[in-house]
N, C-alpha and C. Protein backbone atom coordinates (compact mmCIF):
# COMPACT_ATOMS: atom_id res chain seq x y z
N THR A 1 -32.12 -38.64 -14.85
CA THR A 1 -32.34 -39.00 -13.47
C THR A 1 -31.70 -37.96 -12.56
N PRO A 2 -32.38 -37.57 -11.52
CA PRO A 2 -31.82 -36.56 -10.60
C PRO A 2 -30.70 -37.15 -9.74
N ASP A 3 -29.80 -36.30 -9.32
CA ASP A 3 -28.71 -36.72 -8.44
C ASP A 3 -29.19 -36.93 -7.01
N PHE A 4 -30.16 -36.11 -6.57
CA PHE A 4 -30.66 -36.19 -5.20
C PHE A 4 -32.19 -36.18 -5.22
N VAL A 5 -32.78 -36.98 -4.33
CA VAL A 5 -34.23 -36.99 -4.18
C VAL A 5 -34.57 -37.03 -2.70
N CYS A 6 -35.75 -36.56 -2.38
CA CYS A 6 -36.31 -36.73 -1.04
C CYS A 6 -37.57 -37.56 -1.21
N TYR A 7 -37.78 -38.51 -0.30
CA TYR A 7 -38.96 -39.36 -0.38
C TYR A 7 -39.56 -39.52 1.00
N HIS A 8 -40.82 -39.92 1.01
CA HIS A 8 -41.53 -40.08 2.28
C HIS A 8 -41.51 -41.53 2.75
N GLU A 9 -41.61 -42.45 1.81
CA GLU A 9 -41.74 -43.85 2.21
C GLU A 9 -40.95 -44.73 1.25
N LEU A 10 -40.31 -45.74 1.81
CA LEU A 10 -39.58 -46.72 1.01
C LEU A 10 -40.28 -48.06 1.18
N ILE A 11 -40.74 -48.63 0.07
CA ILE A 11 -41.45 -49.91 0.10
C ILE A 11 -40.50 -50.98 -0.42
N MET A 12 -40.29 -52.00 0.41
CA MET A 12 -39.40 -53.09 0.04
C MET A 12 -40.23 -54.31 -0.40
N THR A 13 -40.12 -54.64 -1.65
CA THR A 13 -40.69 -55.89 -2.16
C THR A 13 -39.52 -56.63 -2.78
N SER A 14 -39.75 -57.34 -3.85
CA SER A 14 -38.60 -57.94 -4.54
C SER A 14 -37.73 -56.83 -5.11
N ARG A 15 -38.30 -55.63 -5.22
CA ARG A 15 -37.57 -54.42 -5.63
C ARG A 15 -37.88 -53.32 -4.62
N GLU A 16 -37.08 -52.26 -4.66
CA GLU A 16 -37.33 -51.12 -3.76
C GLU A 16 -38.13 -50.07 -4.52
N TYR A 17 -39.12 -49.50 -3.84
CA TYR A 17 -39.93 -48.43 -4.41
C TYR A 17 -39.98 -47.28 -3.42
N MET A 18 -39.96 -46.07 -3.95
CA MET A 18 -40.11 -44.88 -3.13
C MET A 18 -41.45 -44.24 -3.47
N THR A 19 -42.12 -43.73 -2.45
CA THR A 19 -43.37 -43.01 -2.69
C THR A 19 -43.18 -41.56 -2.28
N GLN A 20 -43.99 -40.71 -2.89
CA GLN A 20 -43.96 -39.26 -2.62
C GLN A 20 -42.54 -38.73 -2.74
N VAL A 21 -42.02 -38.76 -3.96
CA VAL A 21 -40.63 -38.44 -4.26
C VAL A 21 -40.56 -37.09 -4.96
N THR A 22 -39.54 -36.32 -4.62
CA THR A 22 -39.27 -35.08 -5.34
C THR A 22 -37.77 -34.92 -5.53
N ALA A 23 -37.38 -34.37 -6.66
CA ALA A 23 -35.96 -34.12 -6.94
C ALA A 23 -35.54 -32.83 -6.25
N VAL A 24 -34.34 -32.83 -5.70
CA VAL A 24 -33.82 -31.64 -5.02
C VAL A 24 -32.37 -31.43 -5.44
N GLU A 25 -31.89 -30.22 -5.24
CA GLU A 25 -30.48 -29.89 -5.46
C GLU A 25 -29.69 -30.25 -4.21
N GLY A 26 -28.48 -30.77 -4.39
CA GLY A 26 -27.65 -31.14 -3.25
C GLY A 26 -27.33 -29.97 -2.36
N GLU A 27 -27.17 -28.77 -2.94
CA GLU A 27 -26.87 -27.58 -2.15
C GLU A 27 -28.02 -27.23 -1.21
N TRP A 28 -29.26 -27.55 -1.65
CA TRP A 28 -30.41 -27.28 -0.79
C TRP A 28 -30.33 -28.08 0.50
N LEU A 29 -29.96 -29.33 0.34
CA LEU A 29 -29.86 -30.19 1.53
C LEU A 29 -28.80 -29.68 2.49
N ALA A 30 -27.66 -29.31 1.93
CA ALA A 30 -26.57 -28.81 2.78
C ALA A 30 -26.94 -27.49 3.43
N GLU A 31 -27.71 -26.67 2.73
CA GLU A 31 -28.09 -25.36 3.28
C GLU A 31 -29.17 -25.49 4.36
N LEU A 32 -30.14 -26.33 4.11
CA LEU A 32 -31.27 -26.43 5.04
C LEU A 32 -31.06 -27.45 6.16
N GLY A 33 -30.16 -28.39 5.96
CA GLY A 33 -29.91 -29.39 6.99
C GLY A 33 -28.43 -29.66 7.15
N PRO A 34 -27.64 -28.63 7.50
CA PRO A 34 -26.18 -28.81 7.56
C PRO A 34 -25.74 -29.82 8.61
N MET A 35 -26.61 -30.12 9.61
CA MET A 35 -26.22 -31.10 10.61
C MET A 35 -26.33 -32.52 10.07
N PHE A 36 -27.03 -32.69 8.94
CA PHE A 36 -27.19 -34.01 8.34
C PHE A 36 -26.44 -34.17 7.00
N PHE A 37 -26.30 -33.06 6.26
CA PHE A 37 -25.77 -33.13 4.91
C PHE A 37 -24.62 -32.15 4.72
N SER A 38 -23.70 -32.51 3.84
CA SER A 38 -22.66 -31.58 3.41
C SER A 38 -22.34 -31.88 1.96
N VAL A 39 -21.96 -30.86 1.25
CA VAL A 39 -21.60 -31.02 -0.15
C VAL A 39 -20.09 -30.92 -0.23
N LYS A 40 -19.47 -31.99 -0.67
CA LYS A 40 -18.02 -31.99 -0.80
C LYS A 40 -17.64 -31.46 -2.17
N GLU A 41 -16.56 -30.69 -2.18
CA GLU A 41 -16.08 -30.15 -3.44
C GLU A 41 -15.38 -31.25 -4.24
N SER A 42 -15.52 -31.17 -5.53
CA SER A 42 -14.80 -32.11 -6.38
C SER A 42 -13.34 -31.67 -6.46
N TYR A 43 -12.51 -32.54 -6.97
CA TYR A 43 -11.08 -32.22 -7.11
C TYR A 43 -10.91 -30.99 -7.98
N LYS A 44 -11.66 -30.93 -9.07
CA LYS A 44 -11.54 -29.81 -10.01
C LYS A 44 -11.92 -28.49 -9.35
N SER A 45 -13.02 -28.48 -8.59
CA SER A 45 -13.44 -27.22 -7.95
C SER A 45 -12.47 -26.83 -6.84
N ARG A 46 -11.90 -27.81 -6.11
CA ARG A 46 -10.89 -27.49 -5.08
C ARG A 46 -9.65 -26.89 -5.73
N LEU A 47 -9.25 -27.48 -6.87
CA LEU A 47 -8.07 -26.98 -7.59
C LEU A 47 -8.30 -25.56 -8.08
N GLN A 48 -9.48 -25.30 -8.64
CA GLN A 48 -9.80 -23.96 -9.11
C GLN A 48 -9.83 -22.97 -7.95
N LYS A 49 -10.39 -23.39 -6.82
CA LYS A 49 -10.45 -22.53 -5.64
C LYS A 49 -9.04 -22.19 -5.17
N ARG A 50 -8.17 -23.20 -5.12
CA ARG A 50 -6.80 -22.98 -4.68
C ARG A 50 -6.07 -22.04 -5.64
N GLN A 51 -6.30 -22.21 -6.95
CA GLN A 51 -5.68 -21.33 -7.93
C GLN A 51 -6.18 -19.90 -7.77
N ARG A 52 -7.48 -19.73 -7.51
CA ARG A 52 -8.03 -18.39 -7.28
C ARG A 52 -7.42 -17.76 -6.04
N GLU A 53 -7.28 -18.56 -4.97
CA GLU A 53 -6.70 -18.03 -3.74
C GLU A 53 -5.25 -17.62 -3.96
N LYS A 54 -4.49 -18.41 -4.72
CA LYS A 54 -3.10 -18.05 -5.02
C LYS A 54 -3.03 -16.76 -5.82
N ALA A 55 -3.91 -16.64 -6.82
CA ALA A 55 -3.94 -15.43 -7.64
C ALA A 55 -4.33 -14.22 -6.79
N ASP A 56 -5.31 -14.39 -5.91
CA ASP A 56 -5.72 -13.30 -5.02
C ASP A 56 -4.58 -12.90 -4.09
N GLN A 57 -3.87 -13.90 -3.55
CA GLN A 57 -2.74 -13.62 -2.66
C GLN A 57 -1.64 -12.87 -3.41
N LYS A 58 -1.38 -13.28 -4.64
CA LYS A 58 -0.36 -12.62 -5.45
C LYS A 58 -0.75 -11.16 -5.71
N THR A 59 -2.03 -10.93 -6.00
CA THR A 59 -2.52 -9.57 -6.22
C THR A 59 -2.38 -8.73 -4.95
N MET A 60 -2.76 -9.32 -3.80
CA MET A 60 -2.65 -8.58 -2.54
C MET A 60 -1.19 -8.27 -2.21
N ASP A 61 -0.29 -9.23 -2.47
CA ASP A 61 1.13 -8.99 -2.22
C ASP A 61 1.65 -7.85 -3.09
N TRP A 62 1.24 -7.85 -4.38
CA TRP A 62 1.67 -6.79 -5.29
C TRP A 62 1.15 -5.44 -4.82
N GLU A 63 -0.14 -5.38 -4.43
CA GLU A 63 -0.72 -4.13 -3.94
C GLU A 63 0.00 -3.64 -2.68
N MET A 64 0.34 -4.57 -1.78
CA MET A 64 1.05 -4.21 -0.56
C MET A 64 2.42 -3.65 -0.89
N GLU A 65 3.10 -4.27 -1.82
CA GLU A 65 4.43 -3.80 -2.23
C GLU A 65 4.34 -2.40 -2.83
N GLN A 66 3.32 -2.16 -3.66
CA GLN A 66 3.14 -0.83 -4.25
C GLN A 66 2.88 0.21 -3.17
N GLU A 67 2.05 -0.15 -2.18
CA GLU A 67 1.75 0.78 -1.09
C GLU A 67 2.99 1.08 -0.26
N GLU A 68 3.79 0.04 0.01
CA GLU A 68 5.03 0.26 0.77
C GLU A 68 5.98 1.17 0.01
N ARG A 69 6.08 0.98 -1.30
CA ARG A 69 6.93 1.85 -2.13
C ARG A 69 6.44 3.29 -2.09
N ARG A 70 5.10 3.45 -2.19
CA ARG A 70 4.53 4.80 -2.17
C ARG A 70 4.84 5.49 -0.85
N ARG A 71 4.66 4.75 0.25
CA ARG A 71 4.94 5.33 1.58
C ARG A 71 6.41 5.66 1.76
N ALA A 72 7.29 4.79 1.28
CA ALA A 72 8.72 5.05 1.38
C ALA A 72 9.10 6.29 0.58
N LYS A 73 8.49 6.45 -0.61
CA LYS A 73 8.76 7.63 -1.44
C LYS A 73 8.28 8.90 -0.74
N GLU A 74 7.08 8.84 -0.15
CA GLU A 74 6.56 10.00 0.57
C GLU A 74 7.46 10.36 1.75
N LYS A 75 7.92 9.36 2.48
CA LYS A 75 8.80 9.60 3.62
C LYS A 75 10.12 10.22 3.15
N GLU A 76 10.64 9.69 2.06
CA GLU A 76 11.89 10.23 1.51
C GLU A 76 11.72 11.69 1.11
N GLU A 77 10.59 12.01 0.48
CA GLU A 77 10.32 13.39 0.08
C GLU A 77 10.18 14.29 1.30
N ARG A 78 9.49 13.82 2.35
CA ARG A 78 9.36 14.62 3.58
C ARG A 78 10.72 14.86 4.22
N ASP A 79 11.53 13.79 4.31
CA ASP A 79 12.86 13.91 4.91
C ASP A 79 13.73 14.88 4.12
N LYS A 80 13.65 14.80 2.79
CA LYS A 80 14.43 15.70 1.94
C LYS A 80 14.00 17.15 2.16
N LYS A 81 12.69 17.37 2.24
CA LYS A 81 12.17 18.72 2.47
C LYS A 81 12.62 19.25 3.82
N GLU A 82 12.58 18.39 4.85
CA GLU A 82 13.01 18.80 6.18
C GLU A 82 14.51 19.13 6.19
N ARG A 83 15.32 18.34 5.50
CA ARG A 83 16.76 18.62 5.43
C ARG A 83 17.02 19.95 4.71
N GLU A 84 16.29 20.19 3.63
CA GLU A 84 16.45 21.45 2.90
C GLU A 84 16.05 22.64 3.76
N GLU A 85 14.97 22.50 4.51
CA GLU A 85 14.53 23.58 5.39
C GLU A 85 15.54 23.82 6.50
N ALA A 86 16.13 22.74 7.01
CA ALA A 86 17.11 22.87 8.08
C ALA A 86 18.40 23.49 7.56
N ALA A 87 18.75 23.24 6.31
CA ALA A 87 19.99 23.75 5.73
C ALA A 87 19.85 25.20 5.28
N THR A 88 18.63 25.65 5.02
CA THR A 88 18.40 27.02 4.56
C THR A 88 18.46 27.94 5.77
N PRO A 89 19.38 28.93 5.74
CA PRO A 89 19.46 29.86 6.88
C PRO A 89 18.22 30.74 6.93
N ARG A 90 17.78 30.99 8.12
CA ARG A 90 16.62 31.85 8.29
C ARG A 90 17.11 33.30 8.29
N THR A 91 16.49 34.10 7.52
CA THR A 91 16.87 35.53 7.45
C THR A 91 15.79 36.36 8.09
N ASN A 92 16.23 37.46 8.69
CA ASN A 92 15.31 38.40 9.29
C ASN A 92 14.75 39.26 8.17
N SER A 93 13.54 39.60 8.21
CA SER A 93 12.91 40.37 7.14
C SER A 93 13.39 41.82 7.11
N GLY A 94 14.14 42.22 8.09
CA GLY A 94 14.63 43.60 8.12
C GLY A 94 13.69 44.55 8.82
N VAL A 95 12.54 44.10 9.22
CA VAL A 95 11.59 44.96 9.90
C VAL A 95 11.92 44.90 11.38
N ILE A 96 12.09 46.07 11.91
CA ILE A 96 12.42 46.16 13.31
C ILE A 96 11.20 46.69 14.04
N GLY A 97 10.81 46.01 15.06
CA GLY A 97 9.64 46.43 15.82
C GLY A 97 10.02 47.58 16.74
N MET A 98 9.04 48.25 17.23
CA MET A 98 9.27 49.37 18.11
C MET A 98 9.88 48.91 19.40
N GLY A 99 10.88 49.59 19.86
CA GLY A 99 11.53 49.28 21.10
C GLY A 99 12.61 48.24 20.94
N THR A 100 12.85 47.77 19.74
CA THR A 100 13.89 46.80 19.53
C THR A 100 15.15 47.54 19.11
N PRO A 101 16.24 47.34 19.84
CA PRO A 101 17.46 48.06 19.49
C PRO A 101 18.05 47.52 18.19
N ARG A 102 18.57 48.45 17.39
CA ARG A 102 19.19 48.08 16.14
C ARG A 102 20.59 47.59 16.44
N VAL A 103 20.96 46.48 15.84
CA VAL A 103 22.27 45.89 16.09
C VAL A 103 23.14 46.09 14.88
N GLY A 104 24.39 46.51 15.09
CA GLY A 104 25.40 46.57 14.04
C GLY A 104 25.20 47.67 13.03
N GLY A 105 24.68 48.71 13.36
CA GLY A 105 24.81 49.72 12.46
C GLY A 105 23.95 50.69 12.01
């Protein structure tokens, strides 16, 4: 027996009879007539959905943590490079341009 049916006419005698009946999926009703029908999730499907959302959140948190670590490492490397460049004395190449007076010797 189908879970959902659509019918055109209901005949009431000592018993109820439906005429022009067709079986339909519950999702069809909710999709085509959302102002009249809705499909409620079962407890099991809600629980599975919640577990999926928790797993997805955990994955996103882990990815975010990895990205933050990567950025912190890059920043640390840049800062280290800048400190090394600042600590290294700049030397003149020894080439003196024309018209530049020689100093010290």
